[in-house]
Amino acid sequence: MALMIVAGLLTFLFACAVICGRKSLQTAIDVIDASADYIAHNKRVILVPNLHFLLNIIVVIVWLFGFAAVMSLNEIKASSVIP
């Protein structure tokens, strides 16, 4: 019974917080709605970051293969000339 009273009190406090912050909550909803409309009309916002990520993956893979090729050329050992 005590747990139900505590849960009811917390629910009431949460409802009061939502009601008191209604204006800022409505502003946040409007901002999210405007950004969703922008993304729906401007597909480049989605395409450009994904294309950039794909190009980065390709560059890393090419770099790794180049690194493996250089590693396989000779035995690597420390130079006594360079401290």
PDB file of N, CA and C in Angstrom:
ATOM      1  N   MET A   1       0.819  -1.185   0.000  1.00  0.00           N
ATOM      2  CA  MET A   1       0.000   0.000   0.000  1.00  0.00           C
ATOM      3  C   MET A   1       0.874   1.265   0.000  1.00  0.00           C
ATOM      4  N   ALA A   2       1.943   1.213   0.773  1.00  0.00           N
ATOM      5  CA  ALA A   2       2.840   2.370   0.832  1.00  0.00           C
ATOM      6  C   ALA A   2       3.513   2.604  -0.516  1.00  0.00           C
ATOM      7  N   LEU A   3       3.848   1.524  -1.207  1.00  0.00           N
ATOM      8  CA  LEU A   3       4.470   1.641  -2.525  1.00  0.00           C
ATOM      9  C   LEU A   3       3.504   2.294  -3.519  1.00  0.00           C
ATOM     10  N   MET A   4       2.225   1.963  -3.439  1.00  0.00           N
ATOM     11  CA  MET A   4       1.225   2.568  -4.314  1.00  0.00           C
ATOM     12  C   MET A   4       1.073   4.059  -4.023  1.00  0.00           C
ATOM     13  N   ILE A   5       1.144   4.440  -2.758  1.00  0.00           N
ATOM     14  CA  ILE A   5       1.035   5.853  -2.390  1.00  0.00           C
ATOM     15  C   ILE A   5       2.242   6.630  -2.910  1.00  0.00           C
ATOM     16  N   VAL A   6       3.419   6.051  -2.763  1.00  0.00           N
ATOM     17  CA  VAL A   6       4.642   6.700  -3.258  1.00  0.00           C
ATOM     18  C   VAL A   6       4.591   6.825  -4.783  1.00  0.00           C
ATOM     19  N   ALA A   7       4.166   5.769  -5.464  1.00  0.00           N
ATOM     20  CA  ALA A   7       4.070   5.816  -6.923  1.00  0.00           C
ATOM     21  C   ALA A   7       3.034   6.846  -7.363  1.00  0.00           C
ATOM     22  N   GLY A   8       1.906   6.917  -6.676  1.00  0.00           N
ATOM     23  CA  GLY A   8       0.886   7.918  -6.998  1.00  0.00           C
ATOM     24  C   GLY A   8       1.387   9.324  -6.781  1.00  0.00           C
ATOM     25  N   LEU A   9       2.134   9.535  -5.697  1.00  0.00           N
ATOM     26  CA  LEU A   9       2.700  10.853  -5.414  1.00  0.00           C
ATOM     27  C   LEU A   9       3.717  11.249  -6.483  1.00  0.00           C
ATOM     28  N   LEU A  10       4.570  10.312  -6.872  1.00  0.00           N
ATOM     29  CA  LEU A  10       5.547  10.593  -7.933  1.00  0.00           C
ATOM     30  C   LEU A  10       4.853  10.881  -9.255  1.00  0.00           C
ATOM     31  N   THR A  11       3.784  10.150  -9.559  1.00  0.00           N
ATOM     32  CA  THR A  11       3.021  10.396 -10.777  1.00  0.00           C
ATOM     33  C   THR A  11       2.403  11.785 -10.750  1.00  0.00           C
ATOM     34  N   PHE A  12       1.866  12.169  -9.613  1.00  0.00           N
ATOM     35  CA  PHE A  12       1.286  13.499  -9.467  1.00  0.00           C
ATOM     36  C   PHE A  12       2.345  14.584  -9.638  1.00  0.00           C
ATOM     37  N   LEU A  13       3.515  14.397  -9.053  1.00  0.00           N
ATOM     38  CA  LEU A  13       4.602  15.376  -9.198  1.00  0.00           C
ATOM     39  C   LEU A  13       5.081  15.478 -10.641  1.00  0.00           C
ATOM     40  N   PHE A  14       5.141  14.334 -11.324  1.00  0.00           N
ATOM     41  CA  PHE A  14       5.539  14.343 -12.733  1.00  0.00           C
ATOM     42  C   PHE A  14       4.505  15.077 -13.577  1.00  0.00           C
ATOM     43  N   ALA A  15       3.222  14.840 -13.313  1.00  0.00           N
ATOM     44  CA  ALA A  15       2.163  15.532 -14.046  1.00  0.00           C
ATOM     45  C   ALA A  15       2.237  17.040 -13.800  1.00  0.00           C
ATOM     46  N   CYS A  16       2.517  17.440 -12.566  1.00  0.00           N
ATOM     47  CA  CYS A  16       2.664  18.872 -12.261  1.00  0.00           C
ATOM     48  C   CYS A  16       3.855  19.470 -13.007  1.00  0.00           C
ATOM     49  N   ALA A  17       4.943  18.739 -13.089  1.00  0.00           N
ATOM     50  CA  ALA A  17       6.123  19.231 -13.802  1.00  0.00           C
ATOM     51  C   ALA A  17       5.828  19.384 -15.293  1.00  0.00           C
ATOM     52  N   VAL A  18       5.090  18.442 -15.867  1.00  0.00           N
ATOM     53  CA  VAL A  18       4.739  18.531 -17.287  1.00  0.00           C
ATOM     54  C   VAL A  18       3.810  19.716 -17.523  1.00  0.00           C
ATOM     55  N   ILE A  19       2.855  19.918 -16.649  1.00  0.00           N
ATOM     56  CA  ILE A  19       1.918  21.033 -16.802  1.00  0.00           C
ATOM     57  C   ILE A  19       2.642  22.369 -16.634  1.00  0.00           C
ATOM     58  N   CYS A  20       3.528  22.463 -15.657  1.00  0.00           N
ATOM     59  CA  CYS A  20       4.263  23.715 -15.446  1.00  0.00           C
ATOM     60  C   CYS A  20       5.233  24.006 -16.594  1.00  0.00           C
ATOM     61  N   GLY A  21       5.792  22.983 -17.197  1.00  0.00           N
ATOM     62  CA  GLY A  21       6.742  23.169 -18.291  1.00  0.00           C
ATOM     63  C   GLY A  21       6.105  22.987 -19.658  1.00  0.00           C
ATOM     64  N   ARG A  22       4.795  23.227 -19.748  1.00  0.00           N
ATOM     65  CA  ARG A  22       4.076  22.983 -20.994  1.00  0.00           C
ATOM     66  C   ARG A  22       4.600  23.852 -22.137  1.00  0.00           C
ATOM     67  N   LYS A  23       4.915  25.114 -21.869  1.00  0.00           N
ATOM     68  CA  LYS A  23       5.365  26.015 -22.923  1.00  0.00           C
ATOM     69  C   LYS A  23       6.715  25.558 -23.500  1.00  0.00           C
ATOM     70  N   SER A  24       7.651  25.203 -22.633  1.00  0.00           N
ATOM     71  CA  SER A  24       8.952  24.750 -23.124  1.00  0.00           C
ATOM     72  C   SER A  24       8.828  23.382 -23.797  1.00  0.00           C
ATOM     73  N   LEU A  25       7.929  22.541 -23.319  1.00  0.00           N
ATOM     74  CA  LEU A  25       7.689  21.252 -23.956  1.00  0.00           C
ATOM     75  C   LEU A  25       7.104  21.451 -25.350  1.00  0.00           C
ATOM     76  N   GLN A  26       6.180  22.407 -25.506  1.00  0.00           N
ATOM     77  CA  GLN A  26       5.602  22.695 -26.809  1.00  0.00           C
ATOM     78  C   GLN A  26       6.658  23.260 -27.757  1.00  0.00           C
ATOM     79  N   THR A  27       7.559  24.090 -27.239  1.00  0.00           N
ATOM     80  CA  THR A  27       8.648  24.621 -28.066  1.00  0.00           C
ATOM     81  C   THR A  27       9.556  23.496 -28.547  1.00  0.00           C
ATOM     82  N   ALA A  28       9.868  22.558 -27.670  1.00  0.00           N
ATOM     83  CA  ALA A  28      10.718  21.428 -28.060  1.00  0.00           C
ATOM     84  C   ALA A  28      10.026  20.578 -29.121  1.00  0.00           C
ATOM     85  N   ILE A  29       8.738  20.357 -28.980  1.00  0.00           N
ATOM     86  CA  ILE A  29       7.989  19.586 -29.978  1.00  0.00           C
ATOM     87  C   ILE A  29       7.988  20.311 -31.318  1.00  0.00           C
ATOM     88  N   ASP A  30       7.827  21.636 -31.301  1.00  0.00           N
ATOM     89  CA  ASP A  30       7.850  22.415 -32.545  1.00  0.00           C
ATOM     90  C   ASP A  30       9.215  22.356 -33.224  1.00  0.00           C
ATOM     91  N   VAL A  31      10.295  22.390 -32.427  1.00  0.00           N
ATOM     92  CA  VAL A  31      11.648  22.300 -32.997  1.00  0.00           C
ATOM     93  C   VAL A  31      11.870  20.939 -33.641  1.00  0.00           C
ATOM     94  N   ILE A  32      11.445  19.886 -32.982  1.00  0.00           N
ATOM     95  CA  ILE A  32      11.593  18.539 -33.542  1.00  0.00           C
ATOM     96  C   ILE A  32      10.769  18.395 -34.813  1.00  0.00           C
ATOM     97  N   ASP A  33       9.572  18.965 -34.831  1.00  0.00           N
ATOM     98  CA  ASP A  33       8.719  18.908 -36.015  1.00  0.00           C
ATOM     99  C   ASP A  33       9.353  19.667 -37.183  1.00  0.00           C
ATOM    100  N   ALA A  34       9.920  20.849 -36.898  1.00  0.00           N
ATOM    101  CA  ALA A  34      10.564  21.631 -37.949  1.00  0.00           C
ATOM    102  C   ALA A  34      11.792  20.917 -38.495  1.00  0.00           C
ATOM    103  N   SER A  35      12.573  20.286 -37.630  1.00  0.00           N
ATOM    104  CA  SER A  35      13.754  19.567 -38.113  1.00  0.00           C
ATOM    105  C   SER A  35      13.352  18.339 -38.922  1.00  0.00           C
ATOM    106  N   ALA A  36      12.271  17.668 -38.553  1.00  0.00           N
ATOM    107  CA  ALA A  36      11.800  16.518 -39.335  1.00  0.00           C
ATOM    108  C   ALA A  36      11.328  16.968 -40.710  1.00  0.00           C
ATOM    109  N   ASP A  37      10.644  18.114 -40.781  1.00  0.00           N
ATOM    110  CA  ASP A  37      10.229  18.648 -42.085  1.00  0.00           C
ATOM    111  C   ASP A  37      11.437  19.014 -42.940  1.00  0.00           C
ATOM    112  N   TYR A  38      12.462  19.596 -42.328  1.00  0.00           N
ATOM    113  CA  TYR A  38      13.668  19.970 -43.068  1.00  0.00           C
ATOM    114  C   TYR A  38      14.355  18.736 -43.649  1.00  0.00           C
ATOM    115  N   ILE A  39      14.484  17.692 -42.847  1.00  0.00           N
ATOM    116  CA  ILE A  39      15.133  16.473 -43.325  1.00  0.00           C
ATOM    117  C   ILE A  39      14.298  15.805 -44.407  1.00  0.00           C
ATOM    118  N   ALA A  40      12.978  15.872 -44.290  1.00  0.00           N
ATOM    119  CA  ALA A  40      12.112  15.274 -45.307  1.00  0.00           C
ATOM    120  C   ALA A  40      12.253  15.978 -46.652  1.00  0.00           C
ATOM    121  N   HIS A  41      12.525  17.290 -46.635  1.00  0.00           N
ATOM    122  CA  HIS A  41      12.640  18.040 -47.885  1.00  0.00           C
ATOM    123  C   HIS A  41      14.071  18.150 -48.392  1.00  0.00           C
ATOM    124  N   ASN A  42      15.056  17.858 -47.568  1.00  0.00           N
ATOM    125  CA  ASN A  42      16.455  18.014 -47.957  1.00  0.00           C
ATOM    126  C   ASN A  42      17.174  16.687 -47.711  1.00  0.00           C
ATOM    127  N   LYS A  43      17.208  15.851 -48.718  1.00  0.00           N
ATOM    128  CA  LYS A  43      17.789  14.512 -48.577  1.00  0.00           C
ATOM    129  C   LYS A  43      19.311  14.536 -48.449  1.00  0.00           C
ATOM    130  N   ARG A  44      19.946  15.643 -48.829  1.00  0.00           N
ATOM    131  CA  ARG A  44      21.407  15.717 -48.723  1.00  0.00           C
ATOM    132  C   ARG A  44      21.883  15.646 -47.277  1.00  0.00           C
ATOM    133  N   VAL A  45      21.033  16.044 -46.351  1.00  0.00           N
ATOM    134  CA  VAL A  45      21.389  15.992 -44.933  1.00  0.00           C
ATOM    135  C   VAL A  45      21.637  14.543 -44.510  1.00  0.00           C
ATOM    136  N   ILE A  46      20.933  13.617 -45.118  1.00  0.00           N
ATOM    137  CA  ILE A  46      21.115  12.201 -44.810  1.00  0.00           C
ATOM    138  C   ILE A  46      22.236  11.600 -45.664  1.00  0.00           C
ATOM    139  N   LEU A  47      22.296  11.994 -46.936  1.00  0.00           N
ATOM    140  CA  LEU A  47      23.230  11.379 -47.873  1.00  0.00           C
ATOM    141  C   LEU A  47      24.686  11.744 -47.593  1.00  0.00           C
ATOM    142  N   VAL A  48      24.975  13.002 -47.335  1.00  0.00           N
ATOM    143  CA  VAL A  48      26.358  13.457 -47.207  1.00  0.00           C
ATOM    144  C   VAL A  48      27.098  12.788 -46.040  1.00  0.00           C
ATOM    145  N   PRO A  49      26.548  12.727 -44.823  1.00  0.00           N
ATOM    146  CA  PRO A  49      27.294  12.054 -43.744  1.00  0.00           C
ATOM    147  C   PRO A  49      27.508  10.561 -44.002  1.00  0.00           C
ATOM    148  N   ASN A  50      26.517   9.903 -44.602  1.00  0.00           N
ATOM    149  CA  ASN A  50      26.687   8.479 -44.898  1.00  0.00           C
ATOM    150  C   ASN A  50      27.736   8.262 -45.981  1.00  0.00           C
ATOM    151  N   LEU A  51      27.770   9.132 -46.998  1.00  0.00           N
ATOM    152  CA  LEU A  51      28.794   9.034 -48.038  1.00  0.00           C
ATOM    153  C   LEU A  51      30.181   9.308 -47.447  1.00  0.00           C
ATOM    154  N   HIS A  52      30.280  10.284 -46.560  1.00  0.00           N
ATOM    155  CA  HIS A  52      31.555  10.593 -45.910  1.00  0.00           C
ATOM    156  C   HIS A  52      32.036   9.404 -45.078  1.00  0.00           C
ATOM    157  N   PHE A  53      31.132   8.756 -44.361  1.00  0.00           N
ATOM    158  CA  PHE A  53      31.486   7.582 -43.569  1.00  0.00           C
ATOM    159  C   PHE A  53      31.981   6.460 -44.474  1.00  0.00           C
ATOM    160  N   LEU A  54      31.300   6.227 -45.591  1.00  0.00           N
ATOM    161  CA  LEU A  54      31.707   5.179 -46.533  1.00  0.00           C
ATOM    162  C   LEU A  54      33.094   5.471 -47.109  1.00  0.00           C
ATOM    163  N   LEU A  55      33.353   6.712 -47.468  1.00  0.00           N
ATOM    164  CA  LEU A  55      34.674   7.074 -47.993  1.00  0.00           C
ATOM    165  C   LEU A  55      35.757   6.906 -46.927  1.00  0.00           C
ATOM    166  N   ASN A  56      35.456   7.221 -45.686  1.00  0.00           N
ATOM    167  CA  ASN A  56      36.426   7.008 -44.608  1.00  0.00           C
ATOM    168  C   ASN A  56      36.744   5.531 -44.432  1.00  0.00           C
ATOM    169  N   ILE A  57      35.740   4.683 -44.507  1.00  0.00           N
ATOM    170  CA  ILE A  57      35.970   3.244 -44.394  1.00  0.00           C
ATOM    171  C   ILE A  57      36.861   2.759 -45.530  1.00  0.00           C
ATOM    172  N   ILE A  58      36.618   3.248 -46.749  1.00  0.00           N
ATOM    173  CA  ILE A  58      37.442   2.849 -47.898  1.00  0.00           C
ATOM    174  C   ILE A  58      38.887   3.310 -47.701  1.00  0.00           C
ATOM    175  N   VAL A  59      39.085   4.535 -47.232  1.00  0.00           N
ATOM    176  CA  VAL A  59      40.446   5.053 -47.004  1.00  0.00           C
ATOM    177  C   VAL A  59      41.164   4.221 -45.941  1.00  0.00           C
ATOM    178  N   VAL A  60      40.490   3.861 -44.880  1.00  0.00           N
ATOM    179  CA  VAL A  60      41.115   3.058 -43.823  1.00  0.00           C
ATOM    180  C   VAL A  60      41.483   1.672 -44.344  1.00  0.00           C
ATOM    181  N   ILE A  61      40.623   1.066 -45.131  1.00  0.00           N
ATOM    182  CA  ILE A  61      40.921  -0.262 -45.681  1.00  0.00           C
ATOM    183  C   ILE A  61      42.124  -0.191 -46.623  1.00  0.00           C
ATOM    184  N   VAL A  62      42.166   0.831 -47.499  1.00  0.00           N
ATOM    185  CA  VAL A  62      43.311   0.982 -48.411  1.00  0.00           C
ATOM    186  C   VAL A  62      44.586   1.222 -47.606  1.00  0.00           C
ATOM    187  N   TRP A  63      44.514   2.044 -46.552  1.00  0.00           N
ATOM    188  CA  TRP A  63      45.683   2.308 -45.722  1.00  0.00           C
ATOM    189  C   TRP A  63      46.175   1.023 -45.053  1.00  0.00           C
ATOM    190  N   LEU A  64      45.244   0.203 -44.559  1.00  0.00           N
ATOM    191  CA  LEU A  64      45.647  -1.044 -43.904  1.00  0.00           C
ATOM    192  C   LEU A  64      46.326  -1.998 -44.885  1.00  0.00           C
ATOM    193  N   PHE A  65      45.787  -2.102 -46.108  1.00  0.00           N
ATOM    194  CA  PHE A  65      46.437  -2.958 -47.101  1.00  0.00           C
ATOM    195  C   PHE A  65      47.816  -2.412 -47.479  1.00  0.00           C
ATOM    196  N   GLY A  66      47.944  -1.088 -47.592  1.00  0.00           N
ATOM    197  CA  GLY A  66      49.251  -0.495 -47.876  1.00  0.00           C
ATOM    198  C   GLY A  66      50.236  -0.728 -46.737  1.00  0.00           C
ATOM    199  N   PHE A  67      49.767  -0.621 -45.512  1.00  0.00           N
ATOM    200  CA  PHE A  67      50.612  -0.874 -44.354  1.00  0.00           C
ATOM    201  C   PHE A  67      51.081  -2.324 -44.334  1.00  0.00           C
ATOM    202  N   ALA A  68      50.165  -3.243 -44.648  1.00  0.00           N
ATOM    203  CA  ALA A  68      50.533  -4.663 -44.683  1.00  0.00           C
ATOM    204  C   ALA A  68      51.542  -4.924 -45.793  1.00  0.00           C
ATOM    205  N   ALA A  69      51.393  -4.233 -46.932  1.00  0.00           N
ATOM    206  CA  ALA A  69      52.335  -4.416 -48.032  1.00  0.00           C
ATOM    207  C   ALA A  69      53.722  -3.913 -47.652  1.00  0.00           C
ATOM    208  N   VAL A  70      53.811  -2.769 -46.988  1.00  0.00           N
ATOM    209  CA  VAL A  70      55.105  -2.236 -46.559  1.00  0.00           C
ATOM    210  C   VAL A  70      55.720  -3.131 -45.498  1.00  0.00           C
ATOM    211  N   MET A  71      54.916  -3.652 -44.594  1.00  0.00           N
ATOM    212  CA  MET A  71      55.426  -4.536 -43.545  1.00  0.00           C
ATOM    213  C   MET A  71      56.002  -5.821 -44.137  1.00  0.00           C
ATOM    214  N   SER A  72      55.444  -6.281 -45.253  1.00  0.00           N
ATOM    215  CA  SER A  72      55.907  -7.546 -45.819  1.00  0.00           C
ATOM    216  C   SER A  72      57.154  -7.391 -46.688  1.00  0.00           C
ATOM    217  N   LEU A  73      57.608  -6.167 -46.952  1.00  0.00           N
ATOM    218  CA  LEU A  73      58.750  -5.982 -47.840  1.00  0.00           C
ATOM    219  C   LEU A  73      60.068  -6.400 -47.199  1.00  0.00           C
ATOM    220  N   ASN A  74      60.342  -5.977 -46.003  1.00  0.00           N
ATOM    221  CA  ASN A  74      61.628  -6.243 -45.365  1.00  0.00           C
ATOM    222  C   ASN A  74      61.418  -6.550 -43.889  1.00  0.00           C
ATOM    223  N   GLU A  75      62.480  -7.030 -43.289  1.00  0.00           N
ATOM    224  CA  GLU A  75      62.455  -7.234 -41.849  1.00  0.00           C
ATOM    225  C   GLU A  75      62.614  -5.872 -41.181  1.00  0.00           C
ATOM    226  N   ILE A  76      61.812  -5.603 -40.207  1.00  0.00           N
ATOM    227  CA  ILE A  76      61.862  -4.319 -39.518  1.00  0.00           C
ATOM    228  C   ILE A  76      62.720  -4.479 -38.280  1.00  0.00           C
ATOM    229  N   LYS A  77      63.748  -3.611 -38.167  1.00  0.00           N
ATOM    230  CA  LYS A  77      64.594  -3.629 -36.984  1.00  0.00           C
ATOM    231  C   LYS A  77      64.995  -2.195 -36.632  1.00  0.00           C
ATOM    232  N   ALA A  78      65.318  -1.976 -35.410  1.00  0.00           N
ATOM    233  CA  ALA A  78      65.658  -0.635 -34.940  1.00  0.00           C
ATOM    234  C   ALA A  78      66.996  -0.196 -35.515  1.00  0.00           C
ATOM    235  N   SER A  79      67.092   1.064 -35.890  1.00  0.00           N
ATOM    236  CA  SER A  79      68.330   1.617 -36.420  1.00  0.00           C
ATOM    237  C   SER A  79      69.192   2.116 -35.274  1.00  0.00           C
ATOM    238  N   SER A  80      70.484   1.854 -35.363  1.00  0.00           N
ATOM    239  CA  SER A  80      71.396   2.322 -34.304  1.00  0.00           C
ATOM    240  C   SER A  80      71.748   3.798 -34.513  1.00  0.00           C
ATOM    241  N   VAL A  81      71.466   4.354 -35.686  1.00  0.00           N
ATOM    242  CA  VAL A  81      71.794   5.740 -35.983  1.00  0.00           C
ATOM    243  C   VAL A  81      70.759   6.674 -35.336  1.00  0.00           C
ATOM    244  N   ILE A  82      69.520   6.248 -35.332  1.00  0.00           N
ATOM    245  CA  ILE A  82      68.454   7.066 -34.789  1.00  0.00           C
ATOM    246  C   ILE A  82      68.260   6.711 -33.320  1.00  0.00           C
ATOM    247  N   PRO A  83      68.366   7.699 -32.438  1.00  0.00           N
ATOM    248  CA  PRO A  83      68.245   7.398 -31.002  1.00  0.00           C
ATOM    249  C   PRO A  83      66.840   7.043 -30.593  1.00  0.00           C
TER     250      PRO A  83
END
